[in-house]
């Protein structure tokens, strides 16, 4: 893998769907960023911070369908 952004503030960042496997994001703040293309089965998300609305984007990658409360 390429660059390490470990512990970086990447909040509100804009990332292409195919970039996630090119760098390490452990401990990063990814809040308010679009997470499409980020496959939690392939990327170590230990310590990563996200907003509650971003959970749906990650769970979709696992095939989980989210329904309204």
PDB file of N, CA and C in Angstrom:
ATOM      1  N   UNK A   1       0.816  -1.193   0.000  1.00  0.00           N
ATOM      2  CA  UNK A   1       0.000   0.000   0.000  1.00  0.00           C
ATOM      3  C   UNK A   1       0.849   1.242   0.000  1.00  0.00           C
ATOM      4  N   UNK A   2       0.264   2.323  -0.438  1.00  0.00           N
ATOM      5  CA  UNK A   2       0.987   3.580  -0.574  1.00  0.00           C
ATOM      6  C   UNK A   2       1.091   4.387   0.704  1.00  0.00           C
ATOM      7  N   UNK A   3       0.698   5.631   0.629  1.00  0.00           N
ATOM      8  CA  UNK A   3       0.870   6.606   1.704  1.00  0.00           C
ATOM      9  C   UNK A   3       0.077   6.250   2.955  1.00  0.00           C
ATOM     10  N   UNK A   4       0.566   6.756   4.071  1.00  0.00           N
ATOM     11  CA  UNK A   4      -0.144   6.595   5.333  1.00  0.00           C
ATOM     12  C   UNK A   4      -0.684   7.948   5.774  1.00  0.00           C
ATOM     13  N   UNK A   5      -1.995   7.997   6.003  1.00  0.00           N
ATOM     14  CA  UNK A   5      -2.633   9.183   6.552  1.00  0.00           C
ATOM     15  C   UNK A   5      -3.057   8.913   7.999  1.00  0.00           C
ATOM     16  N   UNK A   6      -2.386   7.976   8.637  1.00  0.00           N
ATOM     17  CA  UNK A   6      -2.739   7.555   9.990  1.00  0.00           C
ATOM     18  C   UNK A   6      -2.868   8.763  10.914  1.00  0.00           C
ATOM     19  N   UNK A   7      -3.996   8.804  11.671  1.00  0.00           N
ATOM     20  CA  UNK A   7      -4.297   9.851  12.642  1.00  0.00           C
ATOM     21  C   UNK A   7      -4.527  11.229  12.013  1.00  0.00           C
ATOM     22  N   UNK A   8      -4.711  11.317  10.706  1.00  0.00           N
ATOM     23  CA  UNK A   8      -4.911  12.610  10.035  1.00  0.00           C
ATOM     24  C   UNK A   8      -6.362  13.066  10.096  1.00  0.00           C
ATOM     25  N   UNK A   9      -6.555  14.361   9.995  1.00  0.00           N
ATOM     26  CA  UNK A   9      -7.897  14.935   9.902  1.00  0.00           C
ATOM     27  C   UNK A   9      -8.243  15.052   8.421  1.00  0.00           C
ATOM     28  N   UNK A  10      -9.031  14.110   7.935  1.00  0.00           N
ATOM     29  CA  UNK A  10      -9.473  14.105   6.539  1.00  0.00           C
ATOM     30  C   UNK A  10     -10.957  14.430   6.455  1.00  0.00           C
ATOM     31  N   UNK A  11     -11.478  15.030   7.518  1.00  0.00           N
ATOM     32  CA  UNK A  11     -12.905  15.345   7.553  1.00  0.00           C
ATOM     33  C   UNK A  11     -13.269  16.276   6.408  1.00  0.00           C
ATOM     34  N   UNK A  12     -14.462  16.047   5.886  1.00  0.00           N
ATOM     35  CA  UNK A  12     -15.004  16.812   4.765  1.00  0.00           C
ATOM     36  C   UNK A  12     -14.181  16.652   3.493  1.00  0.00           C
ATOM     37  N   UNK A  13     -13.342  15.619   3.461  1.00  0.00           N
ATOM     38  CA  UNK A  13     -12.532  15.355   2.279  1.00  0.00           C
ATOM     39  C   UNK A  13     -13.368  14.769   1.150  1.00  0.00           C
ATOM     40  N   UNK A  14     -12.853  14.902  -0.058  1.00  0.00           N
ATOM     41  CA  UNK A  14     -13.503  14.345  -1.243  1.00  0.00           C
ATOM     42  C   UNK A  14     -12.542  13.320  -1.832  1.00  0.00           C
ATOM     43  N   UNK A  15     -13.013  12.084  -1.941  1.00  0.00           N
ATOM     44  CA  UNK A  15     -12.161  10.991  -2.395  1.00  0.00           C
ATOM     45  C   UNK A  15     -12.841  10.246  -3.532  1.00  0.00           C
ATOM     46  N   UNK A  16     -12.057   9.802  -4.505  1.00  0.00           N
ATOM     47  CA  UNK A  16     -12.626   8.991  -5.580  1.00  0.00           C
ATOM     48  C   UNK A  16     -12.885   7.589  -5.048  1.00  0.00           C
ATOM     49  N   UNK A  17     -13.841   6.899  -5.655  1.00  0.00           N
ATOM     50  CA  UNK A  17     -14.231   5.575  -5.166  1.00  0.00           C
ATOM     51  C   UNK A  17     -13.104   4.561  -5.226  1.00  0.00           C
ATOM     52  N   UNK A  18     -12.148   4.761  -6.113  1.00  0.00           N
ATOM     53  CA  UNK A  18     -11.082   3.770  -6.283  1.00  0.00           C
ATOM     54  C   UNK A  18      -9.805   4.115  -5.508  1.00  0.00           C
ATOM     55  N   UNK A  19      -9.826   5.134  -4.682  1.00  0.00           N
ATOM     56  CA  UNK A  19      -8.603   5.566  -3.990  1.00  0.00           C
ATOM     57  C   UNK A  19      -8.343   4.848  -2.673  1.00  0.00           C
ATOM     58  N   UNK A  20      -9.364   4.249  -2.078  1.00  0.00           N
ATOM     59  CA  UNK A  20      -9.270   3.794  -0.693  1.00  0.00           C
ATOM     60  C   UNK A  20      -8.191   2.753  -0.438  1.00  0.00           C
ATOM     61  N   UNK A  21      -7.858   1.947  -1.417  1.00  0.00           N
ATOM     62  CA  UNK A  21      -6.840   0.915  -1.197  1.00  0.00           C
ATOM     63  C   UNK A  21      -5.432   1.442  -1.422  1.00  0.00           C
ATOM     64  N   UNK A  22      -5.305   2.720  -1.736  1.00  0.00           N
ATOM     65  CA  UNK A  22      -4.000   3.305  -2.033  1.00  0.00           C
ATOM     66  C   UNK A  22      -3.325   3.937  -0.823  1.00  0.00           C
ATOM     67  N   UNK A  23      -4.040   4.046   0.301  1.00  0.00           N
ATOM     68  CA  UNK A  23      -3.436   4.628   1.493  1.00  0.00           C
ATOM     69  C   UNK A  23      -4.057   4.043   2.751  1.00  0.00           C
ATOM     70  N   UNK A  24      -3.380   4.261   3.876  1.00  0.00           N
ATOM     71  CA  UNK A  24      -3.828   3.753   5.174  1.00  0.00           C
ATOM     72  C   UNK A  24      -4.535   4.870   5.943  1.00  0.00           C
ATOM     73  N   UNK A  25      -5.664   4.528   6.565  1.00  0.00           N
ATOM     74  CA  UNK A  25      -6.480   5.545   7.228  1.00  0.00           C
ATOM     75  C   UNK A  25      -6.737   5.264   8.714  1.00  0.00           C
ATOM     76  N   UNK A  26      -6.005   4.343   9.331  1.00  0.00           N
ATOM     77  CA  UNK A  26      -6.249   4.027  10.734  1.00  0.00           C
ATOM     78  C   UNK A  26      -6.192   5.300  11.583  1.00  0.00           C
ATOM     79  N   UNK A  27      -7.204   5.474  12.425  1.00  0.00           N
ATOM     80  CA  UNK A  27      -7.229   6.608  13.333  1.00  0.00           C
ATOM     81  C   UNK A  27      -7.611   7.936  12.710  1.00  0.00           C
ATOM     82  N   UNK A  28      -7.938   7.945  11.439  1.00  0.00           N
ATOM     83  CA  UNK A  28      -8.277   9.201  10.755  1.00  0.00           C
ATOM     84  C   UNK A  28      -9.669   9.692  11.123  1.00  0.00           C
ATOM     85  N   UNK A  29      -9.851  10.982  10.987  1.00  0.00           N
ATOM     86  CA  UNK A  29     -11.172  11.587  11.100  1.00  0.00           C
ATOM     87  C   UNK A  29     -11.723  11.693   9.679  1.00  0.00           C
ATOM     88  N   UNK A  30     -12.677  10.834   9.351  1.00  0.00           N
ATOM     89  CA  UNK A  30     -13.311  10.845   8.029  1.00  0.00           C
ATOM     90  C   UNK A  30     -14.727  11.401   8.103  1.00  0.00           C
ATOM     91  N   UNK A  31     -15.039  12.094   9.191  1.00  0.00           N
ATOM     92  CA  UNK A  31     -16.393  12.618   9.350  1.00  0.00           C
ATOM     93  C   UNK A  31     -16.738  13.587   8.226  1.00  0.00           C
ATOM     94  N   UNK A  32     -17.981  13.514   7.802  1.00  0.00           N
ATOM     95  CA  UNK A  32     -18.531  14.381   6.754  1.00  0.00           C
ATOM     96  C   UNK A  32     -17.880  14.160   5.387  1.00  0.00           C
ATOM     97  N   UNK A  33     -17.247  13.019   5.170  1.00  0.00           N
ATOM     98  CA  UNK A  33     -16.685  12.663   3.865  1.00  0.00           C
ATOM     99  C   UNK A  33     -17.551  11.581   3.240  1.00  0.00           C
ATOM    100  N   UNK A  34     -17.681  11.596   1.932  1.00  0.00           N
ATOM    101  CA  UNK A  34     -18.390  10.514   1.246  1.00  0.00           C
ATOM    102  C   UNK A  34     -17.488   9.287   1.270  1.00  0.00           C
ATOM    103  N   UNK A  35     -18.043   8.155   1.652  1.00  0.00           N
ATOM    104  CA  UNK A  35     -17.254   6.930   1.813  1.00  0.00           C
ATOM    105  C   UNK A  35     -17.545   5.896   0.737  1.00  0.00           C
ATOM    106  N   UNK A  36     -18.189   6.303  -0.341  1.00  0.00           N
ATOM    107  CA  UNK A  36     -18.500   5.353  -1.402  1.00  0.00           C
ATOM    108  C   UNK A  36     -17.219   4.742  -1.946  1.00  0.00           C
ATOM    109  N   UNK A  37     -17.245   3.439  -2.100  1.00  0.00           N
ATOM    110  CA  UNK A  37     -16.087   2.713  -2.598  1.00  0.00           C
ATOM    111  C   UNK A  37     -15.185   2.190  -1.489  1.00  0.00           C
ATOM    112  N   UNK A  38     -15.367   2.660  -0.270  1.00  0.00           N
ATOM    113  CA  UNK A  38     -14.560   2.187   0.848  1.00  0.00           C
ATOM    114  C   UNK A  38     -15.150   0.863   1.325  1.00  0.00           C
ATOM    115  N   UNK A  39     -14.418  -0.214   1.111  1.00  0.00           N
ATOM    116  CA  UNK A  39     -14.885  -1.548   1.492  1.00  0.00           C
ATOM    117  C   UNK A  39     -14.299  -1.906   2.855  1.00  0.00           C
ATOM    118  N   UNK A  40     -15.122  -1.928   3.901  1.00  0.00           N
ATOM    119  CA  UNK A  40     -14.601  -2.205   5.244  1.00  0.00           C
ATOM    120  C   UNK A  40     -14.024  -3.609   5.404  1.00  0.00           C
ATOM    121  N   UNK A  41     -14.232  -4.486   4.435  1.00  0.00           N
ATOM    122  CA  UNK A  41     -13.612  -5.817   4.486  1.00  0.00           C
ATOM    123  C   UNK A  41     -12.158  -5.756   4.045  1.00  0.00           C
ATOM    124  N   UNK A  42     -11.780  -4.718   3.310  1.00  0.00           N
ATOM    125  CA  UNK A  42     -10.429  -4.611   2.761  1.00  0.00           C
ATOM    126  C   UNK A  42      -9.579  -3.537   3.430  1.00  0.00           C
ATOM    127  N   UNK A  43     -10.221  -2.587   4.092  1.00  0.00           N
ATOM    128  CA  UNK A  43      -9.516  -1.444   4.663  1.00  0.00           C
ATOM    129  C   UNK A  43      -9.567  -1.515   6.186  1.00  0.00           C
ATOM    130  N   UNK A  44      -8.427  -1.335   6.831  1.00  0.00           N
ATOM    131  CA  UNK A  44      -8.372  -1.320   8.296  1.00  0.00           C
ATOM    132  C   UNK A  44      -8.924   0.018   8.785  1.00  0.00           C
ATOM    133  N   UNK A  45     -10.078  -0.025   9.423  1.00  0.00           N
ATOM    134  CA  UNK A  45     -10.742   1.187   9.906  1.00  0.00           C
ATOM    135  C   UNK A  45     -10.589   1.374  11.416  1.00  0.00           C
ATOM    136  N   UNK A  46      -9.597   0.750  12.002  1.00  0.00           N
ATOM    137  CA  UNK A  46      -9.367   0.867  13.435  1.00  0.00           C
ATOM    138  C   UNK A  46      -9.206   2.331  13.836  1.00  0.00           C
ATOM    139  N   UNK A  47     -10.054   2.779  14.762  1.00  0.00           N
ATOM    140  CA  UNK A  47      -9.956   4.132  15.287  1.00  0.00           C
ATOM    141  C   UNK A  47     -10.469   5.233  14.384  1.00  0.00           C
ATOM    142  N   UNK A  48     -11.030   4.885  13.232  1.00  0.00           N
ATOM    143  CA  UNK A  48     -11.538   5.896  12.298  1.00  0.00           C
ATOM    144  C   UNK A  48     -12.811   6.526  12.857  1.00  0.00           C
ATOM    145  N   UNK A  49     -12.920   7.837  12.727  1.00  0.00           N
ATOM    146  CA  UNK A  49     -14.104   8.567  13.188  1.00  0.00           C
ATOM    147  C   UNK A  49     -14.996   8.880  11.992  1.00  0.00           C
ATOM    148  N   UNK A  50     -16.301   8.573  12.138  1.00  0.00           N
ATOM    149  CA  UNK A  50     -17.288   8.908  11.117  1.00  0.00           C
ATOM    150  C   UNK A  50     -18.535   9.445  11.805  1.00  0.00           C
ATOM    151  N   UNK A  51     -19.407  10.050  11.035  1.00  0.00           N
ATOM    152  CA  UNK A  51     -20.703  10.514  11.537  1.00  0.00           C
ATOM    153  C   UNK A  51     -21.705   9.368  11.439  1.00  0.00           C
ATOM    154  N   UNK A  52     -22.776   9.471  12.196  1.00  0.00           N
ATOM    155  CA  UNK A  52     -23.770   8.395  12.189  1.00  0.00           C
ATOM    156  C   UNK A  52     -24.355   8.170  10.796  1.00  0.00           C
ATOM    157  N   UNK A  53     -24.547   9.214   9.993  1.00  0.00           N
ATOM    158  CA  UNK A  53     -25.123   9.035   8.656  1.00  0.00           C
ATOM    159  C   UNK A  53     -24.184   8.282   7.720  1.00  0.00           C
ATOM    160  N   UNK A  54     -22.894   8.236   8.031  1.00  0.00           N
ATOM    161  CA  UNK A  54     -21.931   7.531   7.181  1.00  0.00           C
ATOM    162  C   UNK A  54     -21.974   6.015   7.389  1.00  0.00           C
ATOM    163  N   UNK A  55     -22.573   5.568   8.478  1.00  0.00           N
ATOM    164  CA  UNK A  55     -22.667   4.133   8.740  1.00  0.00           C
ATOM    165  C   UNK A  55     -23.343   3.403   7.589  1.00  0.00           C
ATOM    166  N   UNK A  56     -24.371   4.017   7.042  1.00  0.00           N
ATOM    167  CA  UNK A  56     -25.106   3.397   5.940  1.00  0.00           C
ATOM    168  C   UNK A  56     -24.192   3.132   4.747  1.00  0.00           C
ATOM    169  N   UNK A  57     -23.313   4.069   4.437  1.00  0.00           N
ATOM    170  CA  UNK A  57     -22.403   3.886   3.309  1.00  0.00           C
ATOM    171  C   UNK A  57     -21.478   2.694   3.534  1.00  0.00           C
ATOM    172  N   UNK A  58     -21.000   2.522   4.747  1.00  0.00           N
ATOM    173  CA  UNK A  58     -20.116   1.392   5.036  1.00  0.00           C
ATOM    174  C   UNK A  58     -20.875   0.071   5.048  1.00  0.00           C
ATOM    175  N   UNK A  59     -22.054   0.069   5.647  1.00  0.00           N
ATOM    176  CA  UNK A  59     -22.838  -1.164   5.735  1.00  0.00           C
ATOM    177  C   UNK A  59     -23.327  -1.630   4.369  1.00  0.00           C
ATOM    178  N   UNK A  60     -23.589  -0.707   3.457  1.00  0.00           N
ATOM    179  CA  UNK A  60     -23.991  -1.086   2.097  1.00  0.00           C
ATOM    180  C   UNK A  60     -22.914  -1.933   1.435  1.00  0.00           C
ATOM    181  N   UNK A  61     -21.646  -1.635   1.706  1.00  0.00           N
ATOM    182  CA  UNK A  61     -20.538  -2.395   1.134  1.00  0.00           C
ATOM    183  C   UNK A  61     -20.538  -3.841   1.626  1.00  0.00           C
ATOM    184  N   UNK A  62     -21.169  -4.074   2.771  1.00  0.00           N
ATOM    185  CA  UNK A  62     -21.266  -5.425   3.328  1.00  0.00           C
ATOM    186  C   UNK A  62     -22.546  -6.128   2.898  1.00  0.00           C
ATOM    187  N   UNK A  63     -23.371  -5.427   2.121  1.00  0.00           N
ATOM    188  CA  UNK A  63     -24.625  -6.006   1.665  1.00  0.00           C
ATOM    189  C   UNK A  63     -25.780  -5.805   2.620  1.00  0.00           C
ATOM    190  N   UNK A  64     -25.570  -4.996   3.665  1.00  0.00           N
ATOM    191  CA  UNK A  64     -26.619  -4.734   4.647  1.00  0.00           C
ATOM    192  C   UNK A  64     -27.531  -3.638   4.108  1.00  0.00           C
ATOM    193  N   UNK A  65     -28.831  -3.877   4.176  1.00  0.00           N
ATOM    194  CA  UNK A  65     -29.815  -2.899   3.726  1.00  0.00           C
ATOM    195  C   UNK A  65     -30.359  -2.176   4.948  1.00  0.00           C
ATOM    196  N   UNK A  66     -30.269  -0.874   4.930  1.00  0.00           N
ATOM    197  CA  UNK A  66     -30.723  -0.054   6.049  1.00  0.00           C
ATOM    198  C   UNK A  66     -32.134   0.442   5.749  1.00  0.00           C
ATOM    199  N   UNK A  67     -33.037   0.265   6.702  1.00  0.00           N
ATOM    200  CA  UNK A  67     -34.412   0.756   6.552  1.00  0.00           C
ATOM    201  C   UNK A  67     -34.650   1.847   7.593  1.00  0.00           C
ATOM    202  N   UNK A  68     -35.572   2.757   7.317  1.00  0.00           N
ATOM    203  CA  UNK A  68     -35.853   3.822   8.283  1.00  0.00           C
ATOM    204  C   UNK A  68     -36.397   3.249   9.594  1.00  0.00           C
ATOM    205  N   UNK A  69     -36.177   3.979  10.677  1.00  0.00           N
ATOM    206  CA  UNK A  69     -36.697   3.570  11.990  1.00  0.00           C
ATOM    207  C   UNK A  69     -38.210   3.608  12.005  1.00  0.00           C
TER     208      UNK A  69
END
